[in-house]
Amino acid sequence: MRTLTRALTALLALSIAGVAIADQDEADTCVRSKVWEAYPEGWAVRTITKANLGETEHRIYLLTLYAGNEYKFLGCGDTSLVDVDLVLYDADGRMLVQDQTEDRQPVVEFRPSSTDTFYLAVHAAKLVDASETGKKASVATAVTYR
């Protein structure tokens, strides 16, 4: 009980101090449900990752993609996000495909013609209220293939 009281006190102190806490569970649950929904279509999960990002911040993930496979990149942002973008680049930094929608759940598909190194950029393009000091949102990303 004492540990729970301390945790709740710390959480309250953070909210009073104006630091927004991203909801990693919400983003993670969303992307995992998308992965499970894709299994009957033959998709398998390669990796799932999470990041807390402020507005316009991004994470870049290095990937080796294999010729002959089809890849689907899935993103899910928590409710403090308006828009999450996924962009895939080749090893030379040329953009290959990007998400074209303004939403919290982007999807990008790609089939490489050769096995190579690629970079997946995950952008927190727009938060609900970015004016809040220190505001972060949680984004979960999955790489699936078949």
N, C-alpha and C. Protein backbone atom coordinates (compact mmCIF):
# COMPACT_ATOMS: atom_id res chain seq x y z
N MET A 1 0.83 -1.19 0.00
CA MET A 1 0.00 0.00 0.00
C MET A 1 0.87 1.25 0.00
N ARG A 2 1.96 1.20 0.76
CA ARG A 2 2.85 2.35 0.85
C ARG A 2 3.48 2.66 -0.51
N THR A 3 3.87 1.61 -1.26
CA THR A 3 4.45 1.79 -2.59
C THR A 3 3.44 2.41 -3.54
N LEU A 4 2.20 1.96 -3.49
CA LEU A 4 1.15 2.52 -4.34
C LEU A 4 0.93 3.99 -4.01
N THR A 5 0.92 4.33 -2.75
CA THR A 5 0.74 5.73 -2.34
C THR A 5 1.88 6.60 -2.87
N ARG A 6 3.10 6.10 -2.78
CA ARG A 6 4.26 6.86 -3.30
C ARG A 6 4.16 7.03 -4.81
N ALA A 7 3.77 5.98 -5.51
CA ALA A 7 3.65 6.06 -6.97
C ALA A 7 2.58 7.07 -7.37
N LEU A 8 1.44 7.04 -6.69
CA LEU A 8 0.37 7.99 -7.00
C LEU A 8 0.79 9.42 -6.66
N THR A 9 1.51 9.60 -5.60
CA THR A 9 2.01 10.93 -5.22
C THR A 9 2.98 11.45 -6.28
N ALA A 10 3.88 10.59 -6.76
CA ALA A 10 4.83 10.99 -7.79
C ALA A 10 4.10 11.35 -9.08
N LEU A 11 3.10 10.57 -9.44
CA LEU A 11 2.32 10.84 -10.65
C LEU A 11 1.59 12.17 -10.52
N LEU A 12 1.00 12.43 -9.38
CA LEU A 12 0.31 13.69 -9.14
C LEU A 12 1.29 14.86 -9.21
N ALA A 13 2.47 14.69 -8.65
CA ALA A 13 3.48 15.75 -8.68
C ALA A 13 3.90 16.06 -10.10
N LEU A 14 4.05 15.04 -10.93
CA LEU A 14 4.40 15.26 -12.33
C LEU A 14 3.30 16.01 -13.06
N SER A 15 2.03 15.65 -12.82
CA SER A 15 0.95 16.34 -13.51
C SER A 15 0.81 17.77 -13.05
N ILE A 16 1.04 18.03 -11.79
CA ILE A 16 0.98 19.39 -11.29
C ILE A 16 2.13 20.21 -11.87
N ALA A 17 3.28 19.59 -12.05
CA ALA A 17 4.45 20.29 -12.58
C ALA A 17 4.31 20.58 -14.07
N GLY A 18 3.27 20.07 -14.71
CA GLY A 18 3.04 20.36 -16.12
C GLY A 18 3.72 19.40 -17.08
N VAL A 19 4.22 18.29 -16.59
CA VAL A 19 4.85 17.31 -17.46
C VAL A 19 3.79 16.30 -17.87
N ALA A 20 3.55 16.21 -19.16
CA ALA A 20 2.55 15.28 -19.65
C ALA A 20 3.16 13.90 -19.78
N ILE A 21 2.42 12.90 -19.40
CA ILE A 21 2.90 11.52 -19.44
C ILE A 21 2.25 10.80 -20.62
N ALA A 22 3.07 10.24 -21.48
CA ALA A 22 2.56 9.52 -22.64
C ALA A 22 1.93 8.20 -22.19
N ASP A 23 0.94 7.74 -22.95
CA ASP A 23 0.24 6.50 -22.61
C ASP A 23 0.77 5.36 -23.47
N GLN A 24 1.89 4.75 -23.02
CA GLN A 24 2.51 3.67 -23.78
C GLN A 24 1.60 2.45 -23.89
N ASP A 25 0.82 2.18 -22.85
CA ASP A 25 -0.07 1.01 -22.90
C ASP A 25 -1.10 1.16 -24.01
N GLU A 26 -1.66 2.36 -24.15
CA GLU A 26 -2.66 2.59 -25.20
C GLU A 26 -2.07 2.37 -26.59
N ALA A 27 -0.90 2.94 -26.86
CA ALA A 27 -0.25 2.79 -28.17
C ALA A 27 0.13 1.33 -28.41
N ASP A 28 0.69 0.68 -27.39
CA ASP A 28 1.12 -0.70 -27.52
C ASP A 28 -0.07 -1.64 -27.77
N THR A 29 -1.15 -1.46 -27.03
CA THR A 29 -2.35 -2.29 -27.22
C THR A 29 -2.90 -2.13 -28.63
N CYS A 30 -2.92 -0.90 -29.11
CA CYS A 30 -3.40 -0.63 -30.46
C CYS A 30 -2.58 -1.37 -31.52
N VAL A 31 -1.25 -1.23 -31.47
CA VAL A 31 -0.43 -1.85 -32.51
C VAL A 31 -0.46 -3.37 -32.40
N ARG A 32 -0.53 -3.91 -31.19
CA ARG A 32 -0.60 -5.36 -31.04
C ARG A 32 -1.92 -5.92 -31.59
N SER A 33 -3.01 -5.17 -31.44
CA SER A 33 -4.28 -5.64 -32.00
C SER A 33 -4.23 -5.63 -33.53
N LYS A 34 -3.54 -4.65 -34.11
CA LYS A 34 -3.38 -4.61 -35.57
C LYS A 34 -2.55 -5.80 -36.06
N VAL A 35 -1.53 -6.15 -35.28
CA VAL A 35 -0.69 -7.30 -35.64
C VAL A 35 -1.53 -8.57 -35.60
N TRP A 36 -2.31 -8.77 -34.54
CA TRP A 36 -3.14 -9.97 -34.41
C TRP A 36 -4.17 -10.04 -35.54
N GLU A 37 -4.74 -8.90 -35.91
CA GLU A 37 -5.73 -8.87 -37.00
C GLU A 37 -5.12 -9.29 -38.33
N ALA A 38 -3.81 -9.08 -38.50
CA ALA A 38 -3.14 -9.38 -39.77
C ALA A 38 -2.70 -10.84 -39.90
N TYR A 39 -2.63 -11.57 -38.79
CA TYR A 39 -2.18 -12.97 -38.84
C TYR A 39 -2.99 -13.83 -39.81
N PRO A 40 -4.33 -13.75 -39.83
CA PRO A 40 -5.08 -14.59 -40.76
C PRO A 40 -4.77 -14.30 -42.24
N GLU A 41 -4.22 -13.12 -42.53
CA GLU A 41 -3.85 -12.77 -43.90
C GLU A 41 -2.42 -13.20 -44.23
N GLY A 42 -1.77 -13.91 -43.31
CA GLY A 42 -0.43 -14.42 -43.55
C GLY A 42 0.70 -13.54 -43.05
N TRP A 43 0.39 -12.44 -42.38
CA TRP A 43 1.43 -11.56 -41.86
C TRP A 43 1.98 -12.11 -40.55
N ALA A 44 3.28 -11.98 -40.37
CA ALA A 44 3.95 -12.35 -39.13
C ALA A 44 4.65 -11.11 -38.59
N VAL A 45 4.81 -11.05 -37.28
CA VAL A 45 5.45 -9.88 -36.68
C VAL A 45 6.96 -10.09 -36.62
N ARG A 46 7.69 -9.08 -37.00
CA ARG A 46 9.14 -9.13 -36.90
C ARG A 46 9.61 -8.39 -35.65
N THR A 47 9.02 -7.23 -35.39
CA THR A 47 9.39 -6.48 -34.19
C THR A 47 8.30 -5.47 -33.84
N ILE A 48 8.24 -5.13 -32.56
CA ILE A 48 7.37 -4.06 -32.07
C ILE A 48 8.22 -3.20 -31.14
N THR A 49 8.10 -1.90 -31.31
CA THR A 49 8.87 -0.98 -30.48
C THR A 49 8.01 0.21 -30.08
N LYS A 50 8.42 0.93 -29.04
CA LYS A 50 7.68 2.10 -28.56
C LYS A 50 8.63 3.26 -28.36
N ALA A 51 8.08 4.46 -28.50
CA ALA A 51 8.86 5.68 -28.23
C ALA A 51 7.93 6.76 -27.72
N ASN A 52 8.45 7.61 -26.85
CA ASN A 52 7.72 8.80 -26.40
C ASN A 52 8.31 9.99 -27.15
N LEU A 53 7.44 10.71 -27.87
CA LEU A 53 7.90 11.80 -28.73
C LEU A 53 7.10 13.07 -28.51
N GLY A 54 7.77 14.20 -28.57
CA GLY A 54 7.11 15.49 -28.57
C GLY A 54 6.73 15.84 -30.01
N GLU A 55 5.93 16.89 -30.16
CA GLU A 55 5.50 17.28 -31.51
C GLU A 55 6.73 17.57 -32.38
N THR A 56 6.70 17.03 -33.59
CA THR A 56 7.74 17.10 -34.64
C THR A 56 8.98 16.26 -34.33
N GLU A 57 9.01 15.57 -33.19
CA GLU A 57 10.14 14.68 -32.92
C GLU A 57 9.96 13.38 -33.68
N HIS A 58 11.05 12.65 -33.87
CA HIS A 58 10.99 11.39 -34.59
C HIS A 58 12.02 10.40 -34.04
N ARG A 59 11.82 9.15 -34.41
CA ARG A 59 12.79 8.09 -34.16
C ARG A 59 13.06 7.43 -35.51
N ILE A 60 14.30 7.02 -35.67
CA ILE A 60 14.68 6.34 -36.90
C ILE A 60 15.20 4.95 -36.54
N TYR A 61 14.66 3.95 -37.21
CA TYR A 61 15.03 2.56 -36.95
C TYR A 61 15.73 1.99 -38.18
N LEU A 62 16.87 1.37 -37.94
CA LEU A 62 17.64 0.70 -38.98
C LEU A 62 17.07 -0.70 -39.17
N LEU A 63 16.81 -1.07 -40.42
CA LEU A 63 16.21 -2.38 -40.72
C LEU A 63 16.95 -3.04 -41.88
N THR A 64 17.09 -4.34 -41.82
CA THR A 64 17.49 -5.10 -42.99
C THR A 64 16.22 -5.75 -43.51
N LEU A 65 15.86 -5.42 -44.74
CA LEU A 65 14.68 -6.01 -45.38
C LEU A 65 15.16 -6.96 -46.46
N TYR A 66 14.45 -8.07 -46.60
CA TYR A 66 14.89 -9.14 -47.48
C TYR A 66 14.06 -9.21 -48.75
N ALA A 67 14.75 -9.36 -49.88
CA ALA A 67 14.08 -9.51 -51.18
C ALA A 67 13.17 -10.72 -51.13
N GLY A 68 12.02 -10.60 -51.75
CA GLY A 68 11.06 -11.70 -51.76
C GLY A 68 10.01 -11.59 -50.68
N ASN A 69 10.25 -10.78 -49.66
CA ASN A 69 9.26 -10.56 -48.61
C ASN A 69 8.49 -9.27 -48.88
N GLU A 70 7.28 -9.25 -48.42
CA GLU A 70 6.47 -8.05 -48.43
C GLU A 70 6.41 -7.56 -46.99
N TYR A 71 6.57 -6.26 -46.78
CA TYR A 71 6.58 -5.70 -45.43
C TYR A 71 5.44 -4.71 -45.25
N LYS A 72 4.87 -4.75 -44.07
CA LYS A 72 3.85 -3.77 -43.68
C LYS A 72 4.30 -3.17 -42.36
N PHE A 73 4.43 -1.84 -42.35
CA PHE A 73 4.83 -1.10 -41.15
C PHE A 73 3.57 -0.47 -40.57
N LEU A 74 3.33 -0.73 -39.31
CA LEU A 74 2.12 -0.26 -38.62
C LEU A 74 2.50 0.69 -37.50
N GLY A 75 1.75 1.75 -37.36
CA GLY A 75 1.99 2.69 -36.27
C GLY A 75 0.71 2.93 -35.51
N CYS A 76 0.83 3.21 -34.22
CA CYS A 76 -0.31 3.59 -33.38
C CYS A 76 0.17 4.63 -32.38
N GLY A 77 -0.52 5.76 -32.36
CA GLY A 77 -0.21 6.79 -31.39
C GLY A 77 -1.29 6.85 -30.33
N ASP A 78 -0.93 7.30 -29.14
CA ASP A 78 -1.94 7.46 -28.10
C ASP A 78 -2.85 8.64 -28.43
N THR A 79 -3.86 8.88 -27.61
CA THR A 79 -4.87 9.90 -27.93
C THR A 79 -4.36 11.33 -27.82
N SER A 80 -3.14 11.54 -27.37
CA SER A 80 -2.60 12.90 -27.36
C SER A 80 -2.00 13.28 -28.71
N LEU A 81 -2.04 12.35 -29.67
CA LEU A 81 -1.55 12.61 -31.02
C LEU A 81 -2.71 12.83 -31.99
N VAL A 82 -2.49 13.73 -32.94
CA VAL A 82 -3.43 13.93 -34.04
C VAL A 82 -2.90 13.20 -35.27
N ASP A 83 -1.58 13.25 -35.48
CA ASP A 83 -0.99 12.68 -36.69
C ASP A 83 0.36 12.03 -36.39
N VAL A 84 0.49 10.78 -36.82
CA VAL A 84 1.74 10.03 -36.79
C VAL A 84 2.08 9.70 -38.23
N ASP A 85 3.33 9.89 -38.62
CA ASP A 85 3.75 9.58 -39.99
C ASP A 85 4.85 8.52 -39.97
N LEU A 86 4.80 7.63 -40.95
CA LEU A 86 5.84 6.64 -41.18
C LEU A 86 6.46 6.93 -42.55
N VAL A 87 7.79 6.92 -42.61
CA VAL A 87 8.50 7.16 -43.87
C VAL A 87 9.63 6.15 -43.96
N LEU A 88 9.73 5.45 -45.10
CA LEU A 88 10.79 4.47 -45.32
C LEU A 88 11.81 5.05 -46.30
N TYR A 89 13.10 4.96 -45.91
CA TYR A 89 14.20 5.46 -46.72
C TYR A 89 15.13 4.31 -47.08
N ASP A 90 15.81 4.43 -48.24
CA ASP A 90 16.83 3.44 -48.57
C ASP A 90 18.12 3.82 -47.86
N ALA A 91 19.18 3.01 -48.07
CA ALA A 91 20.45 3.22 -47.38
C ALA A 91 21.11 4.54 -47.75
N ASP A 92 20.75 5.11 -48.90
CA ASP A 92 21.31 6.39 -49.33
C ASP A 92 20.47 7.58 -48.90
N GLY A 93 19.41 7.33 -48.14
CA GLY A 93 18.58 8.41 -47.63
C GLY A 93 17.47 8.87 -48.57
N ARG A 94 17.23 8.12 -49.64
CA ARG A 94 16.14 8.46 -50.56
C ARG A 94 14.82 7.93 -50.02
N MET A 95 13.81 8.78 -50.00
CA MET A 95 12.49 8.36 -49.52
C MET A 95 11.88 7.38 -50.54
N LEU A 96 11.39 6.25 -50.03
CA LEU A 96 10.78 5.23 -50.89
C LEU A 96 9.26 5.24 -50.80
N VAL A 97 8.74 5.22 -49.59
CA VAL A 97 7.29 5.28 -49.37
C VAL A 97 7.03 6.04 -48.09
N GLN A 98 5.84 6.65 -48.03
CA GLN A 98 5.46 7.37 -46.82
C GLN A 98 3.96 7.29 -46.62
N ASP A 99 3.58 7.44 -45.38
CA ASP A 99 2.17 7.50 -45.01
C ASP A 99 1.58 8.79 -45.56
N GLN A 100 0.39 8.71 -46.15
CA GLN A 100 -0.24 9.88 -46.77
C GLN A 100 -1.44 10.40 -45.99
N THR A 101 -1.74 9.79 -44.84
CA THR A 101 -2.94 10.18 -44.10
C THR A 101 -2.58 11.02 -42.89
N GLU A 102 -3.55 11.80 -42.41
CA GLU A 102 -3.36 12.53 -41.16
C GLU A 102 -4.19 11.82 -40.11
N ASP A 103 -3.55 10.86 -39.44
CA ASP A 103 -4.22 10.11 -38.39
C ASP A 103 -3.20 9.52 -37.43
N ARG A 104 -3.70 8.82 -36.42
CA ARG A 104 -2.83 8.24 -35.39
C ARG A 104 -2.40 6.82 -35.70
N GLN A 105 -2.88 6.25 -36.83
CA GLN A 105 -2.60 4.85 -37.12
C GLN A 105 -2.13 4.66 -38.57
N PRO A 106 -0.92 5.11 -38.86
CA PRO A 106 -0.42 4.99 -40.23
C PRO A 106 -0.04 3.56 -40.60
N VAL A 107 -0.13 3.27 -41.89
CA VAL A 107 0.28 1.98 -42.43
C VAL A 107 1.04 2.24 -43.73
N VAL A 108 2.20 1.61 -43.87
CA VAL A 108 3.00 1.73 -45.09
C VAL A 108 3.41 0.32 -45.49
N GLU A 109 3.28 0.02 -46.79
CA GLU A 109 3.69 -1.29 -47.30
C GLU A 109 4.84 -1.13 -48.28
N PHE A 110 5.72 -2.16 -48.32
CA PHE A 110 6.88 -2.09 -49.20
C PHE A 110 7.39 -3.49 -49.48
N ARG A 111 7.82 -3.71 -50.74
CA ARG A 111 8.44 -4.97 -51.14
C ARG A 111 9.80 -4.64 -51.77
N PRO A 112 10.90 -4.94 -51.06
CA PRO A 112 12.22 -4.61 -51.61
C PRO A 112 12.60 -5.52 -52.77
N SER A 113 13.26 -4.94 -53.76
CA SER A 113 13.71 -5.74 -54.91
C SER A 113 15.02 -6.47 -54.60
N SER A 114 15.74 -5.99 -53.58
CA SER A 114 16.96 -6.67 -53.15
C SER A 114 17.09 -6.57 -51.64
N THR A 115 17.82 -7.50 -51.05
CA THR A 115 18.07 -7.45 -49.62
C THR A 115 19.02 -6.29 -49.35
N ASP A 116 18.62 -5.43 -48.42
CA ASP A 116 19.44 -4.24 -48.18
C ASP A 116 19.08 -3.61 -46.83
N THR A 117 19.79 -2.56 -46.50
CA THR A 117 19.54 -1.77 -45.30
C THR A 117 18.57 -0.65 -45.63
N PHE A 118 17.61 -0.43 -44.74
CA PHE A 118 16.62 0.62 -44.90
C PHE A 118 16.46 1.32 -43.56
N TYR A 119 15.83 2.49 -43.60
CA TYR A 119 15.57 3.27 -42.39
C TYR A 119 14.09 3.60 -42.33
N LEU A 120 13.47 3.29 -41.22
CA LEU A 120 12.07 3.64 -41.00
C LEU A 120 12.03 4.79 -40.01
N ALA A 121 11.46 5.92 -40.45
CA ALA A 121 11.31 7.09 -39.59
C ALA A 121 9.88 7.15 -39.10
N VAL A 122 9.73 7.33 -37.78
CA VAL A 122 8.42 7.46 -37.14
C VAL A 122 8.36 8.89 -36.59
N HIS A 123 7.41 9.67 -37.11
CA HIS A 123 7.29 11.09 -36.75
C HIS A 123 6.02 11.34 -35.94
N ALA A 124 6.15 12.07 -34.85
CA ALA A 124 4.98 12.59 -34.14
C ALA A 124 4.69 13.94 -34.79
N ALA A 125 3.96 13.92 -35.88
CA ALA A 125 3.77 15.11 -36.70
C ALA A 125 2.95 16.19 -36.00
N LYS A 126 1.90 15.76 -35.26
CA LYS A 126 1.04 16.77 -34.64
C LYS A 126 0.41 16.21 -33.37
N LEU A 127 0.59 16.94 -32.27
CA LEU A 127 -0.03 16.58 -31.00
C LEU A 127 -1.32 17.38 -30.80
N VAL A 128 -2.20 16.87 -29.96
CA VAL A 128 -3.47 17.54 -29.68
C VAL A 128 -3.21 18.93 -29.10
N ASP A 129 -2.32 19.03 -28.12
CA ASP A 129 -2.01 20.32 -27.50
C ASP A 129 -0.51 20.41 -27.28
N ALA A 130 0.21 20.79 -28.33
CA ALA A 130 1.67 20.85 -28.25
C ALA A 130 2.16 22.03 -27.43
N SER A 131 1.27 22.97 -27.10
CA SER A 131 1.70 24.14 -26.33
C SER A 131 1.99 23.78 -24.87
N GLU A 132 1.51 22.61 -24.43
CA GLU A 132 1.76 22.17 -23.06
C GLU A 132 3.24 21.83 -22.91
N THR A 133 3.91 22.45 -21.95
CA THR A 133 5.34 22.27 -21.74
C THR A 133 5.69 20.81 -21.48
N GLY A 134 6.66 20.30 -22.21
CA GLY A 134 7.14 18.95 -21.99
C GLY A 134 6.21 17.85 -22.45
N LYS A 135 5.19 18.19 -23.22
CA LYS A 135 4.21 17.19 -23.64
C LYS A 135 4.85 16.15 -24.54
N LYS A 136 4.60 14.91 -24.22
CA LYS A 136 5.07 13.77 -25.01
C LYS A 136 3.90 12.87 -25.31
N ALA A 137 3.99 12.19 -26.42
CA ALA A 137 2.99 11.21 -26.81
C ALA A 137 3.70 9.89 -27.04
N SER A 138 2.98 8.81 -26.89
CA SER A 138 3.55 7.49 -27.11
C SER A 138 3.16 6.97 -28.49
N VAL A 139 4.16 6.42 -29.18
CA VAL A 139 3.93 5.82 -30.49
C VAL A 139 4.50 4.41 -30.47
N ALA A 140 3.68 3.44 -30.84
CA ALA A 140 4.15 2.06 -30.98
C ALA A 140 4.23 1.75 -32.47
N THR A 141 5.25 1.04 -32.86
CA THR A 141 5.47 0.71 -34.27
C THR A 141 5.74 -0.78 -34.40
N ALA A 142 5.14 -1.40 -35.41
CA ALA A 142 5.37 -2.82 -35.68
C ALA A 142 5.86 -2.99 -37.10
N VAL A 143 6.79 -3.92 -37.27
CA VAL A 143 7.24 -4.33 -38.60
C VAL A 143 6.70 -5.75 -38.80
N THR A 144 5.87 -5.91 -39.82
CA THR A 144 5.34 -7.24 -40.14
C THR A 144 5.77 -7.63 -41.54
N TYR A 145 5.72 -8.90 -41.83
CA TYR A 145 6.16 -9.39 -43.14
C TYR A 145 5.39 -10.65 -43.53
N ARG A 146 5.43 -10.93 -44.80
CA ARG A 146 4.92 -12.21 -45.31
C ARG A 146 5.61 -12.52 -46.63
